Amino acid sequence: MAANPFVPADFRVPDSLVRPQFRLEPLGPEHNERDYAAWTSSVEHIHASPGFESSRWPYEMTLEENLGDLEGHARDFVERTGFTYTVLEPDADDVVGCVYIYPDRDGDFDARVRSWVRADRAVLDLPLRRAVGDWLAESWPFERVDYAGLDRAG
């Protein structure tokens, strides 16, 4: 394990965030087809979302390659090196988007957070960022957070 773990060993990582417009749960292989359908239908919107404007992802990949990506995110979650949540409809299992909570590569912040929603649910972009920003401030051990699209540094 790294000398400076991403989150303290005694920190209980939240397993969900529930709001009237959406709910979050850890992203895993079980979301593969719905996740793939969500982002492949919204590539342009995602690239226009804060934090993804110059990102390499999303890029064309197969459903099988997407599964490998989701397995990697699930592994990061278990190993506590990064936390990716799928954003779901409040009362259904339709994937609306994703939230990524990872260490800041430059070390200027405790965490770097990015989120996206499907183009047909673009109205949720800002409410999601605000809810996740509040959740990070209230329930996570980070003092300094870089969250693209949210005017908050901790």
N, C-alpha and C. Protein backbone atom coordinates (compact mmCIF):
# COMPACT_ATOMS: atom_id res chain seq x y z
N MET A 1 0.84 -1.19 0.00
CA MET A 1 0.00 0.00 0.00
C MET A 1 0.89 1.25 0.00
N ALA A 2 0.40 2.28 -0.63
CA ALA A 2 1.16 3.52 -0.74
C ALA A 2 1.40 4.14 0.63
N ALA A 3 2.48 4.91 0.74
CA ALA A 3 2.81 5.58 2.00
C ALA A 3 1.69 6.52 2.42
N ASN A 4 1.08 7.17 1.46
CA ASN A 4 -0.05 8.06 1.73
C ASN A 4 -1.29 7.51 1.04
N PRO A 5 -2.08 6.71 1.77
CA PRO A 5 -3.27 6.13 1.13
C PRO A 5 -4.25 7.23 0.71
N PHE A 6 -5.04 6.93 -0.29
CA PHE A 6 -6.02 7.90 -0.80
C PHE A 6 -7.03 8.28 0.27
N VAL A 7 -7.52 7.30 1.01
CA VAL A 7 -8.41 7.56 2.14
C VAL A 7 -7.86 6.81 3.35
N PRO A 8 -8.09 7.32 4.56
CA PRO A 8 -7.58 6.64 5.75
C PRO A 8 -8.13 5.21 5.86
N ALA A 9 -7.34 4.34 6.45
CA ALA A 9 -7.71 2.93 6.59
C ALA A 9 -9.03 2.74 7.34
N ASP A 10 -9.32 3.64 8.29
CA ASP A 10 -10.53 3.50 9.08
C ASP A 10 -11.74 4.24 8.48
N PHE A 11 -11.57 4.83 7.30
CA PHE A 11 -12.66 5.54 6.66
C PHE A 11 -13.63 4.56 6.01
N ARG A 12 -14.90 4.68 6.35
CA ARG A 12 -15.93 3.83 5.74
C ARG A 12 -16.41 4.52 4.47
N VAL A 13 -16.04 3.95 3.33
CA VAL A 13 -16.40 4.52 2.04
C VAL A 13 -17.92 4.41 1.85
N PRO A 14 -18.57 5.52 1.53
CA PRO A 14 -20.03 5.48 1.32
C PRO A 14 -20.39 4.53 0.18
N ASP A 15 -21.46 3.77 0.39
CA ASP A 15 -21.88 2.83 -0.64
C ASP A 15 -23.00 3.38 -1.51
N SER A 16 -23.48 4.60 -1.18
CA SER A 16 -24.52 5.18 -2.01
C SER A 16 -24.71 6.66 -1.68
N LEU A 17 -25.39 7.32 -2.57
CA LEU A 17 -25.89 8.68 -2.37
C LEU A 17 -27.24 8.68 -3.05
N VAL A 18 -28.27 9.04 -2.31
CA VAL A 18 -29.63 9.03 -2.86
C VAL A 18 -30.21 10.44 -2.79
N ARG A 19 -30.67 10.91 -3.93
CA ARG A 19 -31.33 12.20 -4.04
C ARG A 19 -32.61 12.00 -4.84
N PRO A 20 -33.56 12.92 -4.77
CA PRO A 20 -34.82 12.72 -5.51
C PRO A 20 -34.64 12.52 -7.02
N GLN A 21 -33.61 13.13 -7.62
CA GLN A 21 -33.44 13.06 -9.08
C GLN A 21 -32.56 11.91 -9.55
N PHE A 22 -31.80 11.28 -8.63
CA PHE A 22 -30.87 10.22 -9.01
C PHE A 22 -30.37 9.52 -7.77
N ARG A 23 -29.66 8.39 -8.00
CA ARG A 23 -28.98 7.70 -6.91
C ARG A 23 -27.65 7.19 -7.42
N LEU A 24 -26.67 7.13 -6.53
CA LEU A 24 -25.35 6.64 -6.88
C LEU A 24 -25.09 5.33 -6.16
N GLU A 25 -24.42 4.43 -6.87
CA GLU A 25 -23.92 3.19 -6.25
C GLU A 25 -22.60 2.87 -6.93
N PRO A 26 -21.75 2.08 -6.29
CA PRO A 26 -20.46 1.76 -6.90
C PRO A 26 -20.65 1.14 -8.29
N LEU A 27 -19.86 1.62 -9.24
CA LEU A 27 -19.90 1.11 -10.61
C LEU A 27 -19.22 -0.25 -10.65
N GLY A 28 -19.85 -1.20 -11.31
CA GLY A 28 -19.27 -2.52 -11.42
C GLY A 28 -19.65 -3.20 -12.72
N PRO A 29 -19.12 -4.39 -12.94
CA PRO A 29 -19.38 -5.13 -14.18
C PRO A 29 -20.88 -5.35 -14.46
N GLU A 30 -21.68 -5.41 -13.41
CA GLU A 30 -23.12 -5.62 -13.60
C GLU A 30 -23.80 -4.46 -14.32
N HIS A 31 -23.13 -3.33 -14.42
CA HIS A 31 -23.68 -2.16 -15.10
C HIS A 31 -23.24 -2.07 -16.56
N ASN A 32 -22.47 -3.05 -17.04
CA ASN A 32 -21.79 -2.91 -18.32
C ASN A 32 -22.68 -2.47 -19.49
N GLU A 33 -23.73 -3.22 -19.77
CA GLU A 33 -24.55 -2.89 -20.94
C GLU A 33 -25.22 -1.52 -20.79
N ARG A 34 -25.72 -1.23 -19.61
CA ARG A 34 -26.42 0.06 -19.39
C ARG A 34 -25.43 1.22 -19.39
N ASP A 35 -24.23 1.01 -18.83
CA ASP A 35 -23.18 2.03 -18.84
C ASP A 35 -22.74 2.31 -20.28
N TYR A 36 -22.49 1.25 -21.02
CA TYR A 36 -22.05 1.36 -22.41
C TYR A 36 -23.08 2.13 -23.23
N ALA A 37 -24.35 1.79 -23.07
CA ALA A 37 -25.42 2.48 -23.81
C ALA A 37 -25.47 3.96 -23.41
N ALA A 38 -25.25 4.25 -22.14
CA ALA A 38 -25.33 5.64 -21.67
C ALA A 38 -24.23 6.49 -22.28
N TRP A 39 -22.98 6.06 -22.17
CA TRP A 39 -21.91 6.94 -22.66
C TRP A 39 -21.78 6.93 -24.17
N THR A 40 -22.07 5.81 -24.82
CA THR A 40 -21.95 5.80 -26.28
C THR A 40 -23.02 6.65 -26.95
N SER A 41 -24.11 6.90 -26.25
CA SER A 41 -25.17 7.76 -26.80
C SER A 41 -24.89 9.23 -26.53
N SER A 42 -23.80 9.53 -25.81
CA SER A 42 -23.59 10.89 -25.31
C SER A 42 -22.15 11.37 -25.42
N VAL A 43 -21.39 10.84 -26.35
CA VAL A 43 -19.96 11.17 -26.46
C VAL A 43 -19.75 12.68 -26.59
N GLU A 44 -20.49 13.33 -27.49
CA GLU A 44 -20.32 14.78 -27.68
C GLU A 44 -20.63 15.55 -26.40
N HIS A 45 -21.72 15.18 -25.73
CA HIS A 45 -22.10 15.85 -24.49
C HIS A 45 -21.04 15.65 -23.41
N ILE A 46 -20.51 14.45 -23.31
CA ILE A 46 -19.49 14.18 -22.30
C ILE A 46 -18.24 15.02 -22.58
N HIS A 47 -17.81 15.08 -23.84
CA HIS A 47 -16.63 15.88 -24.18
C HIS A 47 -16.85 17.37 -23.94
N ALA A 48 -18.10 17.80 -23.88
CA ALA A 48 -18.40 19.21 -23.58
C ALA A 48 -18.59 19.44 -22.08
N SER A 49 -18.56 18.37 -21.29
CA SER A 49 -18.77 18.47 -19.84
C SER A 49 -17.49 18.93 -19.15
N PRO A 50 -17.61 19.72 -18.07
CA PRO A 50 -16.42 20.17 -17.33
C PRO A 50 -15.53 18.99 -16.92
N GLY A 51 -14.25 19.13 -17.24
CA GLY A 51 -13.28 18.11 -16.90
C GLY A 51 -13.03 17.09 -18.00
N PHE A 52 -13.90 17.07 -19.01
CA PHE A 52 -13.75 16.10 -20.09
C PHE A 52 -13.43 16.78 -21.43
N GLU A 53 -13.33 18.10 -21.44
CA GLU A 53 -13.15 18.83 -22.70
C GLU A 53 -11.91 18.38 -23.47
N SER A 54 -10.83 18.09 -22.77
CA SER A 54 -9.61 17.65 -23.46
C SER A 54 -9.25 16.20 -23.09
N SER A 55 -10.20 15.49 -22.53
CA SER A 55 -9.97 14.10 -22.12
C SER A 55 -9.91 13.18 -23.33
N ARG A 56 -9.11 12.16 -23.22
CA ARG A 56 -9.02 11.13 -24.25
C ARG A 56 -10.31 10.29 -24.26
N TRP A 57 -10.90 10.11 -23.10
CA TRP A 57 -12.14 9.33 -22.99
C TRP A 57 -13.32 10.27 -23.03
N PRO A 58 -14.45 9.93 -23.60
CA PRO A 58 -14.74 8.62 -24.19
C PRO A 58 -14.22 8.49 -25.61
N TYR A 59 -13.83 7.29 -25.92
CA TYR A 59 -13.37 6.94 -27.26
C TYR A 59 -14.04 5.62 -27.63
N GLU A 60 -14.02 5.30 -28.89
CA GLU A 60 -14.68 4.10 -29.37
C GLU A 60 -14.08 2.86 -28.73
N MET A 61 -14.94 1.99 -28.21
CA MET A 61 -14.51 0.71 -27.66
C MET A 61 -15.66 -0.27 -27.76
N THR A 62 -15.34 -1.54 -27.64
CA THR A 62 -16.37 -2.57 -27.70
C THR A 62 -17.02 -2.74 -26.32
N LEU A 63 -18.13 -3.44 -26.29
CA LEU A 63 -18.79 -3.75 -25.03
C LEU A 63 -17.85 -4.55 -24.13
N GLU A 64 -17.07 -5.45 -24.72
CA GLU A 64 -16.11 -6.26 -23.95
C GLU A 64 -15.01 -5.37 -23.35
N GLU A 65 -14.53 -4.40 -24.12
CA GLU A 65 -13.52 -3.47 -23.61
C GLU A 65 -14.10 -2.61 -22.49
N ASN A 66 -15.35 -2.23 -22.64
CA ASN A 66 -16.01 -1.46 -21.59
C ASN A 66 -16.10 -2.27 -20.30
N LEU A 67 -16.39 -3.56 -20.44
CA LEU A 67 -16.44 -4.44 -19.27
C LEU A 67 -15.09 -4.43 -18.55
N GLY A 68 -14.01 -4.52 -19.30
CA GLY A 68 -12.68 -4.46 -18.68
C GLY A 68 -12.45 -3.16 -17.94
N ASP A 69 -12.94 -2.06 -18.51
CA ASP A 69 -12.84 -0.75 -17.87
C ASP A 69 -13.61 -0.75 -16.55
N LEU A 70 -14.83 -1.28 -16.56
CA LEU A 70 -15.65 -1.32 -15.35
C LEU A 70 -15.02 -2.24 -14.29
N GLU A 71 -14.42 -3.33 -14.73
CA GLU A 71 -13.74 -4.22 -13.78
C GLU A 71 -12.57 -3.49 -13.13
N GLY A 72 -11.87 -2.65 -13.90
CA GLY A 72 -10.77 -1.85 -13.33
C GLY A 72 -11.28 -0.86 -12.30
N HIS A 73 -12.39 -0.19 -12.60
CA HIS A 73 -12.96 0.75 -11.63
C HIS A 73 -13.41 0.01 -10.36
N ALA A 74 -14.01 -1.16 -10.52
CA ALA A 74 -14.43 -1.95 -9.36
C ALA A 74 -13.23 -2.37 -8.52
N ARG A 75 -12.14 -2.75 -9.18
CA ARG A 75 -10.90 -3.13 -8.48
C ARG A 75 -10.34 -1.93 -7.70
N ASP A 76 -10.32 -0.76 -8.35
CA ASP A 76 -9.87 0.46 -7.65
C ASP A 76 -10.69 0.69 -6.39
N PHE A 77 -12.00 0.48 -6.50
CA PHE A 77 -12.90 0.71 -5.36
C PHE A 77 -12.53 -0.24 -4.22
N VAL A 78 -12.37 -1.52 -4.52
CA VAL A 78 -12.03 -2.52 -3.51
C VAL A 78 -10.67 -2.20 -2.89
N GLU A 79 -9.72 -1.78 -3.71
CA GLU A 79 -8.37 -1.47 -3.23
C GLU A 79 -8.27 -0.07 -2.62
N ARG A 80 -9.38 0.69 -2.69
CA ARG A 80 -9.48 2.03 -2.10
C ARG A 80 -8.49 3.02 -2.74
N THR A 81 -8.21 2.82 -4.04
CA THR A 81 -7.31 3.72 -4.75
C THR A 81 -8.07 4.71 -5.63
N GLY A 82 -9.36 4.52 -5.75
CA GLY A 82 -10.23 5.39 -6.52
C GLY A 82 -11.65 4.88 -6.39
N PHE A 83 -12.60 5.78 -6.57
CA PHE A 83 -14.00 5.41 -6.35
C PHE A 83 -14.85 5.93 -7.49
N THR A 84 -15.43 5.00 -8.24
CA THR A 84 -16.32 5.37 -9.34
C THR A 84 -17.72 4.90 -9.00
N TYR A 85 -18.64 5.82 -9.14
CA TYR A 85 -20.06 5.53 -8.88
C TYR A 85 -20.84 5.68 -10.16
N THR A 86 -21.78 4.78 -10.38
CA THR A 86 -22.71 4.93 -11.47
C THR A 86 -23.87 5.79 -10.97
N VAL A 87 -24.38 6.62 -11.84
CA VAL A 87 -25.53 7.46 -11.51
C VAL A 87 -26.74 6.80 -12.16
N LEU A 88 -27.72 6.47 -11.34
CA LEU A 88 -28.90 5.74 -11.80
C LEU A 88 -30.16 6.57 -11.62
N GLU A 89 -31.18 6.21 -12.40
CA GLU A 89 -32.50 6.81 -12.20
C GLU A 89 -32.91 6.52 -10.75
N PRO A 90 -33.68 7.42 -10.12
CA PRO A 90 -34.00 7.23 -8.70
C PRO A 90 -34.75 5.93 -8.39
N ASP A 91 -35.63 5.50 -9.29
CA ASP A 91 -36.45 4.31 -9.01
C ASP A 91 -36.29 3.22 -10.06
N ALA A 92 -35.18 3.25 -10.77
CA ALA A 92 -34.93 2.26 -11.82
C ALA A 92 -33.42 2.02 -11.91
N ASP A 93 -33.05 1.10 -12.77
CA ASP A 93 -31.63 0.78 -12.92
C ASP A 93 -31.02 1.37 -14.19
N ASP A 94 -31.71 2.31 -14.83
CA ASP A 94 -31.17 2.97 -16.02
C ASP A 94 -29.98 3.82 -15.62
N VAL A 95 -28.86 3.66 -16.32
CA VAL A 95 -27.65 4.44 -16.05
C VAL A 95 -27.83 5.83 -16.64
N VAL A 96 -27.62 6.84 -15.79
CA VAL A 96 -27.73 8.24 -16.18
C VAL A 96 -26.34 8.83 -16.42
N GLY A 97 -25.32 8.36 -15.68
CA GLY A 97 -23.98 8.91 -15.80
C GLY A 97 -23.02 8.25 -14.84
N CYS A 98 -21.92 8.95 -14.56
CA CYS A 98 -20.89 8.43 -13.65
C CYS A 98 -20.23 9.56 -12.87
N VAL A 99 -19.70 9.20 -11.70
CA VAL A 99 -18.91 10.10 -10.87
C VAL A 99 -17.61 9.39 -10.56
N TYR A 100 -16.47 10.07 -10.79
CA TYR A 100 -15.14 9.51 -10.56
C TYR A 100 -14.46 10.30 -9.45
N ILE A 101 -14.01 9.61 -8.42
CA ILE A 101 -13.28 10.24 -7.31
C ILE A 101 -11.92 9.56 -7.23
N TYR A 102 -10.88 10.29 -7.63
CA TYR A 102 -9.54 9.72 -7.68
C TYR A 102 -8.53 10.70 -7.09
N PRO A 103 -7.35 10.21 -6.73
CA PRO A 103 -6.32 11.13 -6.24
C PRO A 103 -5.94 12.12 -7.34
N ASP A 104 -5.56 13.32 -6.94
CA ASP A 104 -5.08 14.32 -7.89
C ASP A 104 -3.64 13.96 -8.25
N ARG A 105 -3.38 13.77 -9.53
CA ARG A 105 -2.04 13.36 -9.99
C ARG A 105 -0.96 14.36 -9.61
N ASP A 106 -1.30 15.65 -9.61
CA ASP A 106 -0.32 16.69 -9.31
C ASP A 106 -0.09 16.88 -7.81
N GLY A 107 -1.00 16.35 -6.99
CA GLY A 107 -0.86 16.49 -5.55
C GLY A 107 -1.29 17.84 -5.01
N ASP A 108 -1.88 18.68 -5.86
CA ASP A 108 -2.35 19.98 -5.40
C ASP A 108 -3.64 19.87 -4.60
N PHE A 109 -4.39 18.79 -4.83
CA PHE A 109 -5.66 18.56 -4.17
C PHE A 109 -5.66 17.15 -3.57
N ASP A 110 -6.54 16.92 -2.61
CA ASP A 110 -6.67 15.59 -2.02
C ASP A 110 -7.38 14.64 -2.97
N ALA A 111 -8.31 15.20 -3.76
CA ALA A 111 -9.08 14.37 -4.69
C ALA A 111 -9.41 15.17 -5.94
N ARG A 112 -9.50 14.44 -7.03
CA ARG A 112 -9.91 15.02 -8.31
C ARG A 112 -11.21 14.32 -8.67
N VAL A 113 -12.26 15.10 -8.91
CA VAL A 113 -13.58 14.53 -9.16
C VAL A 113 -14.09 14.99 -10.51
N ARG A 114 -14.68 14.07 -11.24
CA ARG A 114 -15.30 14.38 -12.52
C ARG A 114 -16.63 13.64 -12.58
N SER A 115 -17.58 14.21 -13.29
CA SER A 115 -18.86 13.54 -13.47
C SER A 115 -19.42 13.87 -14.85
N TRP A 116 -20.25 12.99 -15.33
CA TRP A 116 -20.96 13.21 -16.58
C TRP A 116 -22.34 12.58 -16.49
N VAL A 117 -23.23 13.08 -17.30
CA VAL A 117 -24.56 12.50 -17.44
C VAL A 117 -24.85 12.33 -18.93
N ARG A 118 -25.81 11.48 -19.23
CA ARG A 118 -26.22 11.27 -20.63
C ARG A 118 -26.74 12.58 -21.20
N ALA A 119 -26.60 12.73 -22.50
CA ALA A 119 -27.07 13.94 -23.18
C ALA A 119 -28.57 14.16 -22.96
N ASP A 120 -29.34 13.09 -22.93
CA ASP A 120 -30.79 13.26 -22.75
C ASP A 120 -31.17 13.54 -21.29
N ARG A 121 -30.18 13.57 -20.41
CA ARG A 121 -30.41 13.93 -19.00
C ARG A 121 -29.52 15.10 -18.61
N ALA A 122 -29.14 15.92 -19.58
CA ALA A 122 -28.22 17.05 -19.36
C ALA A 122 -28.70 17.99 -18.25
N VAL A 123 -29.99 18.05 -18.03
CA VAL A 123 -30.53 18.90 -16.98
C VAL A 123 -30.00 18.49 -15.60
N LEU A 124 -29.47 17.29 -15.48
CA LEU A 124 -28.94 16.80 -14.20
C LEU A 124 -27.46 17.16 -13.97
N ASP A 125 -26.79 17.70 -14.99
CA ASP A 125 -25.36 18.02 -14.84
C ASP A 125 -25.08 18.82 -13.56
N LEU A 126 -25.67 19.98 -13.44
CA LEU A 126 -25.38 20.85 -12.30
C LEU A 126 -25.96 20.29 -10.99
N PRO A 127 -27.21 19.80 -10.95
CA PRO A 127 -27.70 19.22 -9.69
C PRO A 127 -26.82 18.06 -9.19
N LEU A 128 -26.30 17.25 -10.12
CA LEU A 128 -25.41 16.16 -9.73
C LEU A 128 -24.13 16.71 -9.13
N ARG A 129 -23.51 17.68 -9.81
CA ARG A 129 -22.27 18.26 -9.28
C ARG A 129 -22.49 18.88 -7.91
N ARG A 130 -23.58 19.60 -7.73
CA ARG A 130 -23.86 20.22 -6.43
C ARG A 130 -24.07 19.17 -5.34
N ALA A 131 -24.85 18.15 -5.64
CA ALA A 131 -25.11 17.10 -4.64
C ALA A 131 -23.83 16.35 -4.28
N VAL A 132 -23.02 16.02 -5.29
CA VAL A 132 -21.77 15.31 -5.03
C VAL A 132 -20.80 16.23 -4.29
N GLY A 133 -20.75 17.50 -4.65
CA GLY A 133 -19.89 18.45 -3.94
C GLY A 133 -20.24 18.53 -2.47
N ASP A 134 -21.53 18.60 -2.16
CA ASP A 134 -21.98 18.62 -0.76
C ASP A 134 -21.62 17.31 -0.06
N TRP A 135 -21.84 16.20 -0.74
CA TRP A 135 -21.54 14.87 -0.20
C TRP A 135 -20.06 14.73 0.11
N LEU A 136 -19.21 15.21 -0.79
CA LEU A 136 -17.77 15.16 -0.55
C LEU A 136 -17.39 15.98 0.68
N ALA A 137 -17.99 17.15 0.82
CA ALA A 137 -17.68 18.03 1.96
C ALA A 137 -18.18 17.44 3.28
N GLU A 138 -19.32 16.76 3.23
CA GLU A 138 -19.95 16.26 4.47
C GLU A 138 -19.51 14.85 4.86
N SER A 139 -19.23 14.00 3.88
CA SER A 139 -19.06 12.57 4.18
C SER A 139 -17.71 11.98 3.83
N TRP A 140 -16.85 12.75 3.19
CA TRP A 140 -15.55 12.24 2.76
C TRP A 140 -14.43 12.95 3.51
N PRO A 141 -13.25 12.35 3.60
CA PRO A 141 -12.16 12.92 4.41
C PRO A 141 -11.25 13.91 3.67
N PHE A 142 -11.75 14.49 2.59
CA PHE A 142 -10.92 15.38 1.78
C PHE A 142 -11.08 16.84 2.21
N GLU A 143 -9.96 17.55 2.27
CA GLU A 143 -9.99 18.99 2.57
C GLU A 143 -9.97 19.82 1.30
N ARG A 144 -9.26 19.33 0.29
CA ARG A 144 -9.11 20.08 -0.96
C ARG A 144 -9.54 19.19 -2.12
N VAL A 145 -10.62 19.61 -2.79
CA VAL A 145 -11.18 18.82 -3.89
C VAL A 145 -11.19 19.64 -5.17
N ASP A 146 -10.68 19.06 -6.24
CA ASP A 146 -10.76 19.66 -7.56
C ASP A 146 -11.91 18.97 -8.28
N TYR A 147 -13.04 19.67 -8.40
CA TYR A 147 -14.22 19.11 -9.05
C TYR A 147 -14.59 20.03 -10.20
N ALA A 148 -14.26 19.62 -11.41
CA ALA A 148 -14.53 20.43 -12.59
C ALA A 148 -16.01 20.76 -12.69
N GLY A 149 -16.30 22.03 -12.89
CA GLY A 149 -17.68 22.46 -13.04
C GLY A 149 -18.33 22.86 -11.72
N LEU A 150 -17.59 22.74 -10.64
CA LEU A 150 -18.14 23.11 -9.34
C LEU A 150 -17.15 24.06 -8.69
N ASP A 151 -17.59 25.23 -8.39
CA ASP A 151 -16.71 26.25 -7.80
C ASP A 151 -16.50 25.96 -6.33
N ARG A 152 -15.69 24.93 -6.07
CA ARG A 152 -15.45 24.55 -4.67
C ARG A 152 -14.09 23.89 -4.58
N ALA A 153 -13.27 24.33 -3.68
CA ALA A 153 -11.94 23.72 -3.51
C ALA A 153 -11.83 23.01 -2.17
N GLY A 154 -12.92 22.68 -1.56
CA GLY A 154 -12.84 21.93 -0.33
C GLY A 154 -13.92 22.27 0.63
